Amino acid sequence: MKFTFYPNALDAGVDNRIINDIVIKWQPKAFTEKLDEAGRDIKQPRELLKALTEHLIYLSVIRVKGATAKILAAPHNFTKDSITGEIRKEPAFHVTAEVWGGQISRHGVHVYMKGKSWESQAMLGETYIRKGTANPAAEFSIGWVPPRPSQPPMAASVTQKSPKKTTPPKKPNTQNTPPTPKAPTMPTPPTSPESSWTLVEPRGGRRTSRAGGQNQNWRQNSSRRQ
């Protein structure tokens, strides 16, 4: 049985087949357990959800020019963190697959959907994430997708760190600081006695000398006449 509103789907009971040169296959656990769980949670026929999932994934592979898709989950409205195991509700349903080949390396993809009924769902947005990374690949992602929450804090046992040591501020290194050079002082030229002293013969027979503008008494050192 094929659903005419989802034409790009495999036949009922088939989990691996080529549609227009695109390989569509299911992960074994997704084809059995997860598809059945989705039918019970959404309260819709299993084959309807299978056809919807295959149809949306096929359209996404065509858009990014891939070659192969492995379906990992039927429609669901939650995500599970692969590192912490945290389950988070999302405002829209989506299907999950891995896509590779053609012009794209191996990526994970979430294809979000919207519609008034499960028989009329259409693509709302696609988030492609390169394998081994956590951030969406902007060159392949398109449309509306739920905002990504900020990364939750790690457990205290993992992030516990010793308190930071406070170190006093370093003193300036004065040992290597060169001394401040002093202004050079010009040497005083020697003074010639002949140029600094002037003998003057005063009145009254007493000799005086002048040096630098000052008068000094100067007595003749010769022996007195007898």
Protein backbone atom coordinates (compact mmCIF):
# COMPACT_ATOMS: atom_id res chain seq x y z
CA MET A 1 0.00 0.00 0.00
CA LYS A 2 1.30 3.46 -0.93
CA PHE A 3 0.03 6.76 0.40
CA THR A 4 -0.65 9.08 -2.52
CA PHE A 5 0.08 12.18 -0.40
CA TYR A 6 3.65 10.85 0.23
CA PRO A 7 4.70 9.53 -3.18
CA ASN A 8 8.44 9.26 -2.49
CA ALA A 9 8.17 6.30 -0.14
CA LEU A 10 9.05 2.60 -0.14
CA ASP A 11 6.46 -0.12 -0.33
CA ALA A 12 4.90 -1.30 2.90
CA GLY A 13 7.18 -3.69 4.79
CA VAL A 14 10.25 -2.68 2.73
CA ASP A 15 13.10 -1.07 4.62
CA ASN A 16 15.81 -0.70 1.93
CA ARG A 17 15.32 0.33 -1.67
CA ILE A 18 16.44 2.80 -4.35
CA ILE A 19 14.07 5.62 -5.30
CA ASN A 20 15.14 7.56 -8.41
CA ASP A 21 18.83 6.74 -7.86
CA ILE A 22 18.63 7.63 -4.14
CA VAL A 23 19.25 4.82 -1.63
CA ILE A 24 16.74 4.95 1.24
CA LYS A 25 17.25 2.47 4.03
CA TRP A 26 16.26 2.11 7.66
CA GLN A 27 18.46 1.37 10.62
CA PRO A 28 17.18 -2.00 11.91
CA LYS A 29 16.26 -0.69 15.38
CA ALA A 30 14.58 2.37 13.88
CA PHE A 31 12.51 0.22 11.53
CA THR A 32 11.22 -2.01 14.31
CA GLU A 33 11.25 -0.44 17.77
CA LYS A 34 11.32 3.28 17.07
CA LEU A 35 8.72 3.20 14.31
CA ASP A 36 6.36 1.22 16.53
CA GLU A 37 6.94 3.60 19.44
CA ALA A 38 6.17 6.60 17.23
CA GLY A 39 2.88 4.98 16.14
CA ARG A 40 1.84 4.46 19.76
CA ASP A 41 2.87 7.97 20.88
CA ILE A 42 1.27 9.81 17.98
CA LYS A 43 -1.64 7.38 17.68
CA GLN A 44 -1.25 7.03 13.92
CA PRO A 45 -0.84 3.96 11.69
CA ARG A 46 2.70 2.65 11.50
CA GLU A 47 2.70 2.57 7.68
CA LEU A 48 1.57 6.18 7.49
CA LEU A 49 4.48 7.36 9.64
CA LYS A 50 6.87 5.16 7.68
CA ALA A 51 5.82 6.70 4.36
CA LEU A 52 5.97 10.23 5.79
CA THR A 53 9.50 9.65 7.11
CA GLU A 54 10.80 8.23 3.84
CA HIS A 55 9.20 10.99 1.79
CA LEU A 56 10.72 13.83 3.84
CA ILE A 57 14.19 12.26 3.96
CA TYR A 58 14.13 11.65 0.21
CA LEU A 59 13.32 15.31 -0.50
CA SER A 60 16.14 16.42 1.80
CA VAL A 61 18.70 14.17 0.09
CA ILE A 62 17.65 15.51 -3.31
CA ARG A 63 18.09 19.11 -2.14
CA VAL A 64 21.66 18.63 -0.86
CA LYS A 65 22.55 16.41 -3.85
CA GLY A 66 23.37 13.39 -1.74
CA ALA A 67 23.19 9.73 -2.67
CA THR A 68 22.31 7.66 0.41
CA ALA A 69 20.16 8.10 3.49
CA LYS A 70 19.92 5.86 6.54
CA ILE A 71 16.81 6.63 8.61
CA LEU A 72 17.45 6.69 12.34
CA ALA A 73 14.08 7.75 13.76
CA ALA A 74 10.42 8.21 12.74
CA PRO A 75 8.54 11.41 13.71
CA HIS A 76 9.17 12.53 17.31
CA ASN A 77 9.14 15.85 19.17
CA PHE A 78 12.18 15.49 21.43
CA THR A 79 15.94 15.24 21.19
CA LYS A 80 18.38 13.25 23.28
CA ASP A 81 21.83 14.57 24.05
CA SER A 82 24.31 11.90 23.01
CA ILE A 83 26.79 12.99 25.68
CA THR A 84 24.66 13.70 28.76
CA GLY A 85 21.63 11.56 27.86
CA GLU A 86 19.32 14.53 28.57
CA ILE A 87 15.96 14.37 26.78
CA ARG A 88 14.56 17.74 25.70
CA LYS A 89 11.12 18.48 24.26
CA GLU A 90 10.92 20.46 21.02
CA PRO A 91 8.08 22.59 19.62
CA ALA A 92 7.91 20.67 16.32
CA PHE A 93 8.10 17.04 15.18
CA HIS A 94 11.03 15.89 13.09
CA VAL A 95 12.58 12.78 11.55
CA THR A 96 16.27 11.88 11.80
CA ALA A 97 18.69 10.31 9.33
CA GLU A 98 22.28 10.12 8.17
CA VAL A 99 23.02 11.39 4.66
CA TRP A 100 26.17 10.96 2.57
CA GLY A 101 27.48 10.41 -0.94
CA GLY A 102 27.17 12.56 -4.01
CA GLN A 103 28.21 16.09 -3.10
CA ILE A 104 28.01 15.73 0.67
CA SER A 105 30.12 13.93 3.25
CA ARG A 106 28.46 12.03 6.07
CA HIS A 107 26.08 14.32 7.96
CA GLY A 108 23.27 13.86 10.43
CA VAL A 109 20.02 15.64 9.57
CA HIS A 110 16.84 16.59 11.42
CA VAL A 111 13.95 17.35 9.06
CA TYR A 112 11.22 19.36 10.81
CA MET A 113 7.65 19.28 9.58
CA LYS A 114 4.34 21.13 9.79
CA GLY A 115 0.79 20.45 8.69
CA LYS A 116 -2.83 20.38 9.81
CA SER A 117 -2.95 16.59 9.81
CA TRP A 118 -0.56 13.64 9.54
CA GLU A 119 -1.71 13.14 5.96
CA SER A 120 -0.60 16.66 4.94
CA GLN A 121 2.78 17.24 6.56
CA ALA A 122 5.32 19.41 4.73
CA MET A 123 8.95 20.28 5.34
CA LEU A 124 9.49 23.16 7.76
CA GLY A 125 13.28 23.22 8.11
CA GLU A 126 16.38 21.05 8.02
CA THR A 127 19.40 21.00 10.31
CA TYR A 128 22.51 19.27 8.95
CA ILE A 129 25.35 18.49 11.34
CA ARG A 130 28.68 17.17 10.09
CA LYS A 131 29.67 13.88 11.68
CA GLY A 132 32.05 14.39 14.60
CA THR A 133 30.91 17.96 15.25
CA ALA A 134 28.10 19.60 17.24
CA ASN A 135 27.34 22.76 15.28
CA PRO A 136 24.91 22.95 12.32
CA ALA A 137 26.43 23.06 8.85
CA ALA A 138 25.27 26.40 7.45
CA GLU A 139 25.88 25.35 3.84
CA PHE A 140 23.25 22.59 4.06
CA SER A 141 20.83 23.69 6.80
CA ILE A 142 17.73 25.61 5.72
CA GLY A 143 14.35 26.87 6.94
CA TRP A 144 13.00 27.06 10.46
CA VAL A 145 14.58 24.97 13.20
CA PRO A 146 14.20 25.21 16.98
CA PRO A 147 16.76 27.44 18.68
CA ARG A 148 19.69 25.54 20.12
CA PRO A 149 19.85 25.79 23.91
CA SER A 150 23.02 26.92 25.61
CA GLN A 151 25.29 24.12 26.64
CA PRO A 152 24.34 22.79 30.10
CA PRO A 153 26.98 23.13 32.80
CA MET A 154 29.10 20.08 33.46
CA ALA A 155 28.71 18.12 36.67
CA ALA A 156 30.48 19.49 39.70
CA SER A 157 32.69 16.40 39.93
CA VAL A 158 33.93 17.06 36.42
CA THR A 159 34.37 20.81 36.57
CA GLN A 160 35.66 21.02 40.13
CA LYS A 161 38.79 23.12 40.14
CA SER A 162 41.14 24.20 42.87
CA PRO A 163 40.67 27.82 43.95
CA LYS A 164 42.74 30.31 42.09
CA LYS A 165 45.81 31.56 43.90
CA THR A 166 46.10 35.28 44.22
CA THR A 167 49.59 36.55 43.56
CA PRO A 168 50.75 39.98 44.71
CA PRO A 169 51.51 42.45 41.98
CA LYS A 170 55.05 42.32 40.75
CA LYS A 171 57.36 45.11 41.87
CA PRO A 172 59.00 47.06 39.12
CA ASN A 173 62.44 45.77 38.27
CA THR A 174 64.72 48.59 39.26
CA GLN A 175 67.96 46.61 38.98
CA ASN A 176 67.97 46.64 35.24
CA THR A 177 66.76 50.21 35.00
CA PRO A 178 69.64 52.40 33.73
CA PRO A 179 70.47 55.35 35.97
CA THR A 180 69.28 58.72 34.92
CA PRO A 181 72.23 60.49 33.30
CA LYS A 182 73.33 63.69 34.94
CA ALA A 183 73.89 66.87 33.03
CA PRO A 184 77.58 67.22 32.22
CA THR A 185 79.46 69.91 34.09
CA MET A 186 81.92 71.97 32.18
CA PRO A 187 85.39 72.00 33.75
CA THR A 188 86.62 75.30 35.13
CA PRO A 189 89.65 76.42 33.25
CA PRO A 190 92.74 76.99 35.39
CA THR A 191 93.33 80.51 36.50
CA SER A 192 96.66 82.08 35.68
CA PRO A 193 98.16 84.08 38.52
CA GLU A 194 99.32 86.64 36.05
CA SER A 195 95.82 87.20 34.76
CA SER A 196 93.98 87.18 38.09
CA TRP A 197 96.18 89.28 40.20
CA THR A 198 96.96 92.93 39.53
CA LEU A 199 99.44 94.73 41.68
CA VAL A 200 98.73 98.36 42.32
CA GLU A 201 101.14 100.73 43.96
CA PRO A 202 99.06 102.71 46.44
CA ARG A 203 99.85 105.94 48.03
CA GLY A 204 101.82 105.77 51.25
CA GLY A 205 104.10 103.00 50.14
CA ARG A 206 101.64 100.00 50.79
CA ARG A 207 100.88 97.61 48.02
CA THR A 208 97.44 96.14 47.51
CA SER A 209 96.14 93.45 45.19
CA ARG A 210 92.85 93.12 43.33
CA ALA A 211 91.33 89.75 42.45
CA GLY A 212 87.80 89.22 41.21
CA GLY A 213 86.87 92.79 42.15
CA GLN A 214 87.94 92.46 45.80
CA ASN A 215 90.80 94.48 47.45
CA GLN A 216 93.20 92.65 49.66
CA ASN A 217 96.19 94.00 51.63
CA TRP A 218 99.39 92.60 50.52
CA ARG A 219 102.59 93.14 52.29
CA GLN A 220 105.86 92.82 50.67
CA ASN A 221 107.51 89.64 51.87
CA SER A 222 110.98 90.99 51.32
CA SER A 223 113.13 91.51 54.44
CA ARG A 224 112.99 94.87 56.10
CA ARG A 225 115.90 97.16 55.50
CA GLN A 226 118.14 97.54 58.47
